[in-house]
Amino acid sequence: MKKKYLFIAILIISTLLTGCGKERKADILENNSKKINKLCPVRVDSLLILDSTFYNREKNSMTYFYTASGILDDSLLLHKNYNQIKSSLIDAMDNSVDMKKFKDYEVTIIYKYSSDTTGNELATFILPTKKE
């Protein structure tokens, strides 16, 4: 049920971003982050939990904080496969209708993964969305 609310929030933000000025878009992104955080933590799948989000207005970036468990709770595995994972995240972002507005507004997307067992940071993936 929580997943539904998260996706609804993302769809709302995608709709609202159309035609808004820069400051208005920043306000919307910031408010969207706060709304998502009210639903967190949200289990994404058997290995990931979305703990929170944060929109940084100055850097125009949206950070998603995840807790990884099971096979993903391994910094060596994530670092060994870093480029492949980052490439998969970029492909997913490029093919996501929900992420299109983030790309249009050139929001840098940051995924931070922490260990379920230790709480330590496992990996960070920064996906710039600057238009080419």
Protein backbone atom coordinates (compact mmCIF):
# COMPACT_ATOMS: atom_id res chain seq x y z
CA MET A 1 0.00 0.00 0.00
CA LYS A 2 2.85 2.41 0.82
CA LYS A 3 4.38 1.75 -2.61
CA LYS A 4 1.17 3.03 -4.19
CA TYR A 5 1.42 6.30 -2.31
CA LEU A 6 5.06 6.74 -3.32
CA PHE A 7 4.27 6.23 -6.98
CA ILE A 8 1.26 8.55 -6.73
CA ALA A 9 3.50 11.23 -5.25
CA ILE A 10 6.00 10.80 -8.08
CA LEU A 11 3.24 11.02 -10.66
CA ILE A 12 1.87 14.18 -9.05
CA ILE A 13 5.27 15.83 -9.10
CA SER A 14 5.73 14.88 -12.74
CA THR A 15 2.43 16.51 -13.61
CA LEU A 16 3.02 19.65 -11.59
CA LEU A 17 6.46 20.32 -13.02
CA THR A 18 5.08 21.05 -16.45
CA GLY A 19 5.20 24.75 -17.22
CA CYS A 20 6.40 25.99 -13.82
CA GLY A 21 9.13 28.59 -13.27
CA LYS A 22 12.47 27.64 -11.74
CA GLU A 23 11.59 28.75 -8.19
CA ARG A 24 8.17 27.13 -8.41
CA LYS A 25 9.73 23.87 -9.59
CA ALA A 26 12.17 23.97 -6.68
CA ASP A 27 9.28 24.53 -4.26
CA ILE A 28 7.39 21.61 -5.76
CA LEU A 29 10.41 19.30 -5.61
CA GLU A 30 11.07 20.26 -2.00
CA ASN A 31 7.43 19.70 -1.03
CA ASN A 32 7.34 16.41 -2.90
CA SER A 33 10.39 15.21 -0.99
CA LYS A 34 8.67 16.09 2.30
CA LYS A 35 5.51 14.24 1.26
CA ILE A 36 7.46 11.12 0.29
CA ASN A 37 9.31 11.25 3.61
CA LYS A 38 5.99 11.09 5.48
CA LEU A 39 5.44 7.68 3.84
CA CYS A 40 8.93 6.39 4.58
CA PRO A 41 10.30 3.91 5.26
CA VAL A 42 8.94 2.12 2.19
CA ARG A 43 10.02 -1.36 1.18
CA VAL A 44 10.92 -1.20 -2.51
CA ASP A 45 11.66 -4.91 -2.86
CA SER A 46 13.10 -7.74 -0.77
CA LEU A 47 16.56 -6.10 -0.72
CA LEU A 48 15.86 -2.35 -0.54
CA ILE A 49 14.02 0.05 1.73
CA LEU A 50 13.62 3.72 0.81
CA ASP A 51 14.37 5.52 4.07
CA SER A 52 13.97 9.13 2.98
CA THR A 53 14.56 11.71 0.27
CA PHE A 54 16.08 15.18 0.26
CA TYR A 55 15.85 17.93 -2.33
CA ASN A 56 18.83 20.31 -2.27
CA ARG A 57 17.66 23.57 -3.79
CA GLU A 58 21.15 25.08 -4.15
CA LYS A 59 22.54 22.04 -5.98
CA ASN A 60 19.25 21.20 -7.71
CA SER A 61 19.64 17.58 -6.63
CA MET A 62 17.28 14.94 -5.29
CA THR A 63 18.84 12.35 -3.00
CA TYR A 64 17.20 9.02 -2.27
CA PHE A 65 18.48 7.25 0.85
CA TYR A 66 18.13 3.47 0.82
CA THR A 67 18.95 0.66 3.23
CA ALA A 68 20.28 -2.43 1.49
CA SER A 69 19.97 -5.93 2.90
CA GLY A 70 20.73 -9.47 1.80
CA ILE A 71 23.09 -9.79 -1.14
CA LEU A 72 23.13 -5.99 -1.68
CA ASP A 73 24.45 -5.42 1.86
CA ASP A 74 28.01 -5.82 0.61
CA SER A 75 30.18 -2.80 -0.21
CA LEU A 76 32.73 -4.95 -2.07
CA LEU A 77 30.04 -6.33 -4.36
CA LEU A 78 28.62 -2.86 -5.03
CA HIS A 79 32.03 -1.34 -5.73
CA LYS A 80 33.10 -4.25 -7.92
CA ASN A 81 29.93 -3.81 -10.00
CA TYR A 82 29.71 -0.02 -9.61
CA ASN A 83 29.84 0.88 -13.32
CA GLN A 84 27.34 -1.80 -14.30
CA ILE A 85 24.92 -0.76 -11.53
CA LYS A 86 25.28 2.93 -12.42
CA SER A 87 24.66 2.14 -16.07
CA SER A 88 21.51 0.19 -15.12
CA LEU A 89 20.29 3.11 -13.00
CA ILE A 90 20.88 5.54 -15.87
CA ASP A 91 19.03 3.24 -18.29
CA ALA A 92 16.12 2.95 -15.86
CA MET A 93 16.04 6.72 -15.43
CA ASP A 94 16.21 7.30 -19.19
CA ASN A 95 13.28 4.94 -19.76
CA SER A 96 11.10 6.20 -16.91
CA VAL A 97 8.21 8.50 -17.68
CA ASP A 98 8.26 9.64 -14.04
CA MET A 99 11.89 10.73 -14.31
CA LYS A 100 11.40 12.75 -17.51
CA LYS A 101 10.49 15.92 -15.64
CA PHE A 102 13.56 15.57 -13.44
CA LYS A 103 15.64 15.39 -16.60
CA ASP A 104 13.81 18.34 -18.16
CA TYR A 105 14.56 20.41 -15.06
CA GLU A 106 18.14 19.07 -14.96
CA VAL A 107 17.85 17.70 -11.43
CA THR A 108 20.85 15.63 -10.38
CA ILE A 109 19.61 12.32 -8.98
CA ILE A 110 21.64 10.79 -6.16
CA TYR A 111 21.11 7.28 -4.79
CA LYS A 112 22.78 6.54 -1.46
CA TYR A 113 22.82 2.98 -0.14
CA SER A 114 23.54 2.11 3.49
CA SER A 115 24.07 -1.27 5.11
CA ASP A 116 21.18 -2.85 6.99
CA THR A 117 23.64 -4.66 9.28
CA THR A 118 26.13 -1.88 10.07
CA GLY A 119 24.40 1.34 9.03
CA ASN A 120 27.55 2.35 7.13
CA GLU A 121 27.36 3.81 3.64
CA LEU A 122 27.83 1.15 0.98
CA ALA A 123 27.76 3.19 -2.22
CA THR A 124 26.60 6.45 -3.77
CA PHE A 125 25.50 6.82 -7.36
CA ILE A 126 25.26 10.32 -8.84
CA LEU A 127 23.24 10.58 -12.04
CA PRO A 128 23.46 14.04 -13.59
CA THR A 129 20.56 14.89 -15.87
CA LYS A 130 21.97 17.93 -17.68
CA LYS A 131 20.56 18.28 -21.15
CA GLU A 132 23.08 17.59 -23.88
